[in-house]
Structure formats: C-alpha cells, structure tokens
Amino acid sequence: MNIVLTRESNVPLRAQLALQIEVAIVTGQLPPGKKLPSVRELARRLKLHHNTIAAAYSDLTERGLVEARRGSGLYVSRRSQPAPPDQARELDELIASFLELARARGYKGGAIRAAVESWLAQQPPDHVLIVEPAPDVRAILEHEIAAALPCRVEAVGMDALDDPHALDGALVVTSFYHSAAVHDRLGPRHPVVTISLNPGNVEMDRLRQLPVGAMLGIVSVSPILLTTVATVIASIRGDDVLVRPVPLSDEESWRKLARTADAMVCDSMSGERVAPHTRHRLRVIRLIPESTLDQLRAYFPASEQPVE
C-alpha cells in the first residue's frame, strides 16, 4: 500500500491517510479480504503516532470500508466490488461450484433445474438504471455511462427503488459505497452490478510533476469530487502547489481560473465546458475506468441495442 503524507499540508494527517486508503479500496487497488497493516506497523512505517493511525482506521470501519476480525486484525470489507471480468473463473468452474453448494445444502436436482430455468427465462435488460443517492455524482455517472453504451441510461436515487416498475427491463448499477444497501433492498432475485471507480493514477502522476508554486485549478459539478481531489493533491504536494477548487456553476470564476492557472483538472462533464477556455492541456478525471465500461457493454451488444 503506497501512502504519501505531507506534514506541511493544511489537511490533517488522519484525513490524508483515511482518504488514500479509501481511494485504494473503492478503486480495487486494495481488494476485498485484503489484510491491512496493524496500527503499530503502519505507525512505524509512516512515522506517525499510533492514535493517528487508529483514528483513520476507525473512520474507515464506521463507514463499512474495513472490518475487524477478532484476534486477526483489520481487513478490507468483503462487501466490495467484484473482481474484474478477466479475473473471473471459467464458466464451467462457476457452474460446478454452484451445483456442489446447492446439493450440499440439500436441494434436489429438479428444484435446482427449475430455479435455473426460471432465471434463464428472464428477459435481458434493455437499459441501465444507475442508483446513486448524491445528485452530483449521479449526473457524472450517467454522463459517462450514456456516452459509452448503445442503450438508454437513467440515474436515480435510492428511493426510486420503492417503485415496483422502476426495475422493469433494467440492469441495476451502483458503486461500491452503496452496493450493500442496494443488494439488501432488492434481494437476491434482482442482480446488481457493482462498478469499480477509476483510481486516476495517470492524472495524479502528472500532477506530481507540476513545478513548485504552480497554480492548479479544479472544476467539477460535484462538491464531493472537488473536496476529494483537492485533499488527495494536498497529501501529495502539500503547500508547494496552489490549489483552487471551483464548482462548474460558478462560470465567471472558472473562466478566469482557466486563463490564469498552470494546469486544470475536471470531471468528465465539466471538462467539455472548460476545455475551450483553458490555455493548457486539460486533465480529465473519469469516475469509471474503461474496464468497467467494457463489463457493462457485454450486456448490450451494439447490433441489438440501438441508441434511444
């Protein structure tokens, strides 16, 4: 686990540490079931007080990102995003494992066959339903998925799942943060695709190369993303880079920033508006990596699902 902390930053070390671990978890760099270093070990490695490490771990535990196992330590929660498709086992192995488990639990061949046939009889999805409580994040996810898939894409809050017709023909998609809640709400009969989020490693590596004293502008429709990116950059560069986060709604401010900043970072929605006004190459941070979009494309072959 590669952690970089900046003691000269205005962002508390506890927050820097917790956020970097969180980003590593939700982007799949720390997979479900991965054991985290002990408080003592991480304190020694990072030269921090034990209380700082313990407080960061406590924050992550309260949010359900990590879980404690008695006598064993802290682990990344198993209620996390699935492994990427290229790491999945072969279909025959999956079916064999399923049959073995079903028989071990006492199910007879006829019952297993009927259940499988019932699942196979369900119609394939004809659109994507993104479930995301935060309206700003919801808008970005809808923008990125709609641009990549040849089908209708709709984004809703959690309450929309109370409508029994909302799920008709839908492939339900949500992020790691809300996967457990959506699964619990829908039950096992309606599959949910948990999407991985983009770690943004390439963009962050480029920002590490900015000269001391450079001004970095951040523009986003999402206050959450503005805060997160600013905090990550502060933990990487401390105060040697001047960071100016501006919401996309404040057009006068970001237009001025685009003319004066040494570098600009935007989400995918904001990037389309800001790009024509900046004198430098724009760095766009996308929430969804291409590998996850490929996973979703498999549900909607282009030849069968025209754009609506």
Protein backbone atom coordinates (compact mmCIF):
# COMPACT_ATOMS: atom_id res chain seq x y z
CA MET A 1 0.00 0.00 0.00
CA ASN A 2 1.73 3.15 -1.26
CA ILE A 3 0.86 6.07 1.05
CA VAL A 4 2.29 9.55 0.69
CA LEU A 5 1.66 12.03 3.51
CA THR A 6 2.58 15.70 3.61
CA ARG A 7 3.07 17.19 7.05
CA GLU A 8 3.17 20.72 5.65
CA SER A 9 -0.38 20.40 4.30
CA ASN A 10 -3.40 22.07 5.89
CA VAL A 11 -5.20 18.73 5.59
CA PRO A 12 -4.82 16.71 8.84
CA LEU A 13 -2.66 13.60 8.55
CA ARG A 14 -5.55 11.47 9.80
CA ALA A 15 -7.72 12.69 6.89
CA GLN A 16 -4.92 12.24 4.34
CA LEU A 17 -4.36 8.65 5.48
CA ALA A 18 -8.04 7.68 5.61
CA LEU A 19 -8.75 9.16 2.18
CA GLN A 20 -5.80 7.43 0.48
CA ILE A 21 -6.83 4.06 1.92
CA GLU A 22 -10.44 4.73 0.88
CA VAL A 23 -9.40 5.55 -2.69
CA ALA A 24 -7.31 2.37 -2.82
CA ILE A 25 -10.31 0.32 -1.68
CA VAL A 26 -13.01 1.75 -3.94
CA THR A 27 -10.75 1.60 -7.00
CA GLY A 28 -9.81 -2.03 -6.39
CA GLN A 29 -6.14 -1.43 -5.56
CA LEU A 30 -6.91 -2.98 -2.15
CA PRO A 31 -9.20 -5.92 -2.96
CA PRO A 32 -11.94 -7.30 -0.67
CA GLY A 33 -10.46 -9.51 2.04
CA LYS A 34 -7.04 -7.84 1.93
CA LYS A 35 -5.48 -7.52 5.38
CA LEU A 36 -4.37 -4.02 6.35
CA PRO A 37 -1.14 -3.32 8.23
CA SER A 38 -1.53 -3.22 12.00
CA VAL A 39 -1.67 0.13 13.78
CA ARG A 40 1.80 -0.47 15.19
CA GLU A 41 3.27 -1.48 11.83
CA LEU A 42 1.78 1.43 9.89
CA ALA A 43 2.71 3.94 12.62
CA ARG A 44 6.32 2.76 12.45
CA ARG A 45 6.38 2.84 8.64
CA LEU A 46 4.84 6.30 8.31
CA LYS A 47 6.46 7.69 11.49
CA LEU A 48 3.08 8.72 12.90
CA HIS A 49 1.55 8.47 16.35
CA HIS A 50 -0.45 5.31 16.97
CA ASN A 51 -3.54 7.40 17.73
CA THR A 52 -3.47 8.95 14.24
CA ILE A 53 -3.46 5.52 12.59
CA ALA A 54 -6.13 4.19 14.93
CA ALA A 55 -8.37 7.20 14.28
CA ALA A 56 -8.07 6.81 10.49
CA TYR A 57 -8.85 3.10 10.75
CA SER A 58 -11.83 3.91 12.99
CA ASP A 59 -13.22 6.29 10.35
CA LEU A 60 -12.93 3.60 7.67
CA THR A 61 -14.53 0.98 9.93
CA GLU A 62 -17.51 3.21 10.73
CA ARG A 63 -18.11 3.70 7.02
CA GLY A 64 -18.06 -0.05 6.36
CA LEU A 65 -14.94 0.04 4.18
CA VAL A 66 -12.90 -2.16 6.52
CA GLU A 67 -13.90 -4.76 9.09
CA ALA A 68 -12.22 -6.10 12.20
CA ARG A 69 -11.76 -9.82 12.74
CA ARG A 70 -11.29 -10.86 16.32
CA GLY A 71 -7.68 -11.75 17.02
CA SER A 72 -6.68 -11.30 13.39
CA GLY A 73 -6.71 -7.59 12.54
CA LEU A 74 -8.39 -5.30 10.03
CA TYR A 75 -9.42 -6.35 6.53
CA VAL A 76 -10.97 -4.66 3.52
CA SER A 77 -14.69 -5.36 3.65
CA ARG A 78 -15.82 -8.29 1.53
CA ARG A 79 -18.96 -6.41 0.54
CA SER A 80 -16.95 -4.72 -2.13
CA GLN A 81 -16.79 -4.59 -5.89
CA PRO A 82 -16.28 -7.92 -7.66
CA ALA A 83 -13.02 -8.84 -9.30
CA PRO A 84 -12.58 -7.56 -12.86
CA PRO A 85 -14.01 -9.83 -15.57
CA ASP A 86 -10.60 -11.09 -16.68
CA GLN A 87 -10.03 -12.49 -13.17
CA ALA A 88 -13.30 -14.44 -13.05
CA ARG A 89 -13.20 -18.22 -13.08
CA GLU A 90 -14.23 -20.17 -16.15
CA LEU A 91 -17.98 -20.71 -16.63
CA ASP A 92 -17.76 -24.46 -16.09
CA GLU A 93 -16.00 -23.96 -12.76
CA LEU A 94 -18.65 -21.49 -11.63
CA ILE A 95 -21.47 -23.86 -12.54
CA ALA A 96 -19.74 -26.79 -10.83
CA SER A 97 -19.24 -24.77 -7.66
CA PHE A 98 -22.87 -23.68 -7.67
CA LEU A 99 -24.17 -27.24 -8.11
CA GLU A 100 -21.89 -28.58 -5.41
CA LEU A 101 -23.06 -25.93 -2.95
CA ALA A 102 -26.75 -26.38 -3.81
CA ARG A 103 -26.57 -30.16 -3.35
CA ALA A 104 -24.60 -29.80 -0.11
CA ARG A 105 -27.48 -27.71 1.23
CA GLY A 106 -29.98 -30.41 0.41
CA TYR A 107 -31.53 -29.16 -2.83
CA LYS A 108 -32.63 -31.87 -5.27
CA GLY A 109 -31.86 -31.91 -8.99
CA GLY A 110 -35.42 -30.98 -10.01
CA ALA A 111 -35.52 -27.93 -7.72
CA ILE A 112 -32.12 -26.74 -8.93
CA ARG A 113 -33.14 -27.18 -12.57
CA ALA A 114 -36.42 -25.28 -12.07
CA ALA A 115 -34.65 -22.39 -10.35
CA VAL A 116 -32.03 -22.14 -13.09
CA GLU A 117 -34.65 -22.26 -15.83
CA SER A 118 -36.60 -19.50 -14.09
CA TRP A 119 -33.53 -17.27 -14.06
CA LEU A 120 -32.70 -18.03 -17.69
CA ALA A 121 -36.26 -17.23 -18.73
CA GLN A 122 -35.95 -13.66 -17.53
CA GLN A 123 -35.66 -11.10 -20.32
CA PRO A 124 -32.26 -9.48 -20.84
CA PRO A 125 -32.00 -5.85 -19.72
CA ASP A 126 -32.86 -3.10 -22.19
CA HIS A 127 -31.47 -0.15 -20.23
CA VAL A 128 -29.17 0.79 -17.36
CA LEU A 129 -30.52 2.08 -14.06
CA ILE A 130 -27.81 3.80 -12.01
CA VAL A 131 -28.57 4.01 -8.29
CA GLU A 132 -26.68 6.82 -6.57
CA PRO A 133 -28.01 8.99 -3.71
CA ALA A 134 -25.83 12.06 -4.42
CA PRO A 135 -27.33 14.04 -7.36
CA ASP A 136 -23.97 15.50 -8.44
CA VAL A 137 -22.19 12.14 -8.56
CA ARG A 138 -25.30 10.63 -10.17
CA ALA A 139 -25.07 13.14 -13.02
CA ILE A 140 -21.41 12.31 -13.72
CA LEU A 141 -22.01 8.55 -13.69
CA GLU A 142 -24.97 8.93 -16.05
CA HIS A 143 -22.93 11.12 -18.39
CA GLU A 144 -20.03 8.66 -18.61
CA ILE A 145 -22.12 5.51 -18.99
CA ALA A 146 -24.53 7.05 -21.51
CA ALA A 147 -21.60 8.11 -23.68
CA ALA A 148 -20.26 4.55 -23.70
CA LEU A 149 -23.33 2.34 -24.09
CA PRO A 150 -25.79 1.91 -27.00
CA CYS A 151 -28.87 1.94 -24.77
CA ARG A 152 -30.96 4.17 -22.56
CA VAL A 153 -29.29 5.16 -19.28
CA GLU A 154 -31.22 6.51 -16.30
CA ALA A 155 -29.86 7.60 -12.92
CA VAL A 156 -32.00 7.65 -9.78
CA GLY A 157 -31.75 7.97 -6.02
CA MET A 158 -32.30 5.15 -3.57
CA ASP A 159 -35.97 5.99 -3.04
CA ALA A 160 -36.77 5.21 -6.68
CA LEU A 161 -36.30 1.51 -5.89
CA ASP A 162 -39.59 1.63 -3.96
CA ASP A 163 -41.41 1.86 -7.31
CA PRO A 164 -42.04 -1.76 -8.41
CA HIS A 165 -41.97 -0.72 -12.08
CA ALA A 166 -38.63 1.10 -11.85
CA LEU A 167 -36.75 -2.18 -12.28
CA ASP A 168 -38.62 -3.41 -15.38
CA GLY A 169 -36.01 -4.27 -18.01
CA ALA A 170 -33.25 -2.57 -16.01
CA LEU A 171 -29.66 -3.55 -15.37
CA VAL A 172 -29.15 -2.04 -11.92
CA VAL A 173 -25.74 -0.44 -11.46
CA THR A 174 -24.29 1.15 -8.34
CA SER A 175 -20.92 1.96 -6.81
CA PHE A 176 -19.07 0.21 -4.01
CA TYR A 177 -20.33 2.74 -1.48
CA HIS A 178 -23.99 1.77 -1.94
CA SER A 179 -23.72 -1.83 -3.16
CA ALA A 180 -24.66 -3.43 0.15
CA ALA A 181 -27.70 -1.17 0.65
CA VAL A 182 -28.96 -1.76 -2.90
CA HIS A 183 -28.47 -5.53 -2.62
CA ASP A 184 -30.34 -5.60 0.69
CA ARG A 185 -33.17 -3.51 -0.75
CA LEU A 186 -33.68 -5.55 -3.92
CA GLY A 187 -32.98 -9.04 -2.62
CA PRO A 188 -31.29 -11.93 -4.44
CA ARG A 189 -33.78 -12.12 -7.31
CA HIS A 190 -32.57 -8.93 -8.95
CA PRO A 191 -28.86 -8.86 -9.84
CA VAL A 192 -26.87 -5.70 -9.17
CA VAL A 193 -23.67 -4.73 -10.97
CA THR A 194 -21.18 -3.03 -8.65
CA ILE A 195 -18.98 -0.73 -10.71
CA SER A 196 -15.34 -0.07 -9.98
CA LEU A 197 -14.17 3.52 -9.76
CA ASN A 198 -11.17 5.00 -11.52
CA PRO A 199 -8.03 5.36 -9.36
CA GLY A 200 -6.83 8.27 -11.54
CA ASN A 201 -3.22 7.16 -11.22
CA VAL A 202 -2.11 8.64 -14.54
CA GLU A 203 -3.60 12.04 -13.77
CA MET A 204 -2.13 12.07 -10.25
CA ASP A 205 1.32 11.14 -11.56
CA ARG A 206 1.20 14.12 -13.92
CA LEU A 207 0.21 16.45 -11.09
CA ARG A 208 3.24 15.30 -9.10
CA GLN A 209 5.37 16.81 -11.86
CA LEU A 210 3.96 20.33 -11.52
CA PRO A 211 6.65 22.85 -10.56
CA VAL A 212 6.72 24.32 -7.06
CA GLY A 213 4.47 27.37 -6.87
CA ALA A 214 2.24 26.28 -9.74
CA MET A 215 -1.47 27.08 -9.62
CA LEU A 216 -3.80 24.13 -10.15
CA GLY A 217 -7.47 24.71 -10.94
CA ILE A 218 -10.09 22.06 -10.19
CA VAL A 219 -13.56 22.36 -11.72
CA SER A 220 -16.41 19.93 -11.09
CA VAL A 221 -20.18 19.68 -10.88
CA SER A 222 -19.63 17.67 -7.70
CA PRO A 223 -18.67 19.25 -4.36
CA ILE A 224 -17.68 15.76 -3.21
CA LEU A 225 -15.23 15.39 -6.09
CA LEU A 226 -13.84 18.90 -5.58
CA THR A 227 -13.05 18.13 -1.95
CA THR A 228 -11.67 14.66 -2.64
CA VAL A 229 -9.32 15.72 -5.45
CA ALA A 230 -8.12 18.76 -3.51
CA THR A 231 -7.39 16.60 -0.46
CA VAL A 232 -5.52 13.97 -2.47
CA ILE A 233 -3.40 16.64 -4.17
CA ALA A 234 -2.68 18.29 -0.83
CA SER A 235 -1.46 14.97 0.55
CA ILE A 236 0.81 14.52 -2.48
CA ARG A 237 2.19 18.05 -2.85
CA GLY A 238 1.44 19.81 0.42
CA ASP A 239 1.51 23.61 0.11
CA ASP A 240 4.02 23.79 -2.74
CA VAL A 241 1.16 23.82 -5.27
CA LEU A 242 -1.63 26.39 -5.06
CA VAL A 243 -4.95 24.54 -5.42
CA ARG A 244 -8.10 26.42 -6.48
CA PRO A 245 -11.31 24.29 -6.49
CA VAL A 246 -14.29 25.93 -8.24
CA PRO A 247 -17.79 24.50 -8.88
CA LEU A 248 -18.90 24.39 -12.52
CA SER A 249 -21.90 26.53 -11.57
CA ASP A 250 -19.57 29.49 -10.88
CA GLU A 251 -18.78 30.13 -14.55
CA GLU A 252 -17.20 33.55 -14.05
CA SER A 253 -14.67 32.13 -11.58
CA TRP A 254 -13.69 29.05 -13.55
CA ARG A 255 -13.34 31.00 -16.80
CA LYS A 256 -10.89 33.33 -15.07
CA LEU A 257 -9.12 30.36 -13.48
CA ALA A 258 -8.84 28.62 -16.85
CA ARG A 259 -6.95 31.65 -18.22
CA THR A 260 -4.53 32.00 -15.31
CA ALA A 261 -3.91 28.52 -13.87
CA ASP A 262 -0.84 26.48 -14.80
CA ALA A 263 -2.93 23.29 -15.00
CA MET A 264 -6.62 22.38 -14.88
CA VAL A 265 -8.36 19.24 -13.63
CA CYS A 266 -12.04 18.50 -14.34
CA ASP A 267 -14.55 15.71 -14.15
CA SER A 268 -15.83 14.38 -17.48
CA MET A 269 -18.93 16.61 -17.52
CA SER A 270 -17.10 19.81 -16.59
CA GLY A 271 -14.25 19.08 -18.98
CA GLU A 272 -16.46 19.57 -22.02
CA ARG A 273 -17.36 23.09 -20.84
CA VAL A 274 -13.93 24.12 -19.60
CA ALA A 275 -11.68 22.75 -22.37
CA PRO A 276 -12.31 25.55 -24.92
CA HIS A 277 -11.33 28.18 -22.36
CA THR A 278 -8.05 26.88 -20.96
CA ARG A 279 -4.62 27.63 -22.40
CA HIS A 280 -3.15 24.34 -21.11
CA ARG A 281 -3.93 20.70 -21.74
CA LEU A 282 -6.90 19.75 -19.60
CA ARG A 283 -6.62 16.75 -17.30
CA VAL A 284 -9.95 14.92 -17.12
CA ILE A 285 -10.58 12.54 -14.24
CA ARG A 286 -13.21 9.98 -15.18
CA LEU A 287 -15.06 8.17 -12.41
CA ILE A 288 -15.49 4.94 -14.37
CA PRO A 289 -12.49 3.09 -15.86
CA GLU A 290 -12.65 1.62 -19.35
CA SER A 291 -12.52 -1.94 -17.97
CA THR A 292 -15.78 -1.34 -16.09
CA LEU A 293 -17.43 0.16 -19.17
CA ASP A 294 -16.38 -2.96 -21.12
CA GLN A 295 -18.08 -5.07 -18.44
CA LEU A 296 -21.32 -3.12 -18.94
CA ARG A 297 -21.05 -3.22 -22.75
CA ALA A 298 -21.22 -7.01 -22.60
CA TYR A 299 -24.88 -6.69 -21.52
CA PHE A 300 -25.80 -4.51 -24.51
CA PRO A 301 -24.35 -5.62 -27.86
CA ALA A 302 -24.38 -2.62 -30.20
CA SER A 303 -26.05 -4.56 -33.00
CA GLU A 304 -29.02 -5.41 -30.77
CA GLN A 305 -29.47 -2.23 -28.75
CA PRO A 306 -29.82 0.94 -30.84
CA VAL A 307 -29.34 4.25 -29.10
CA GLU A 308 -32.64 5.79 -27.97
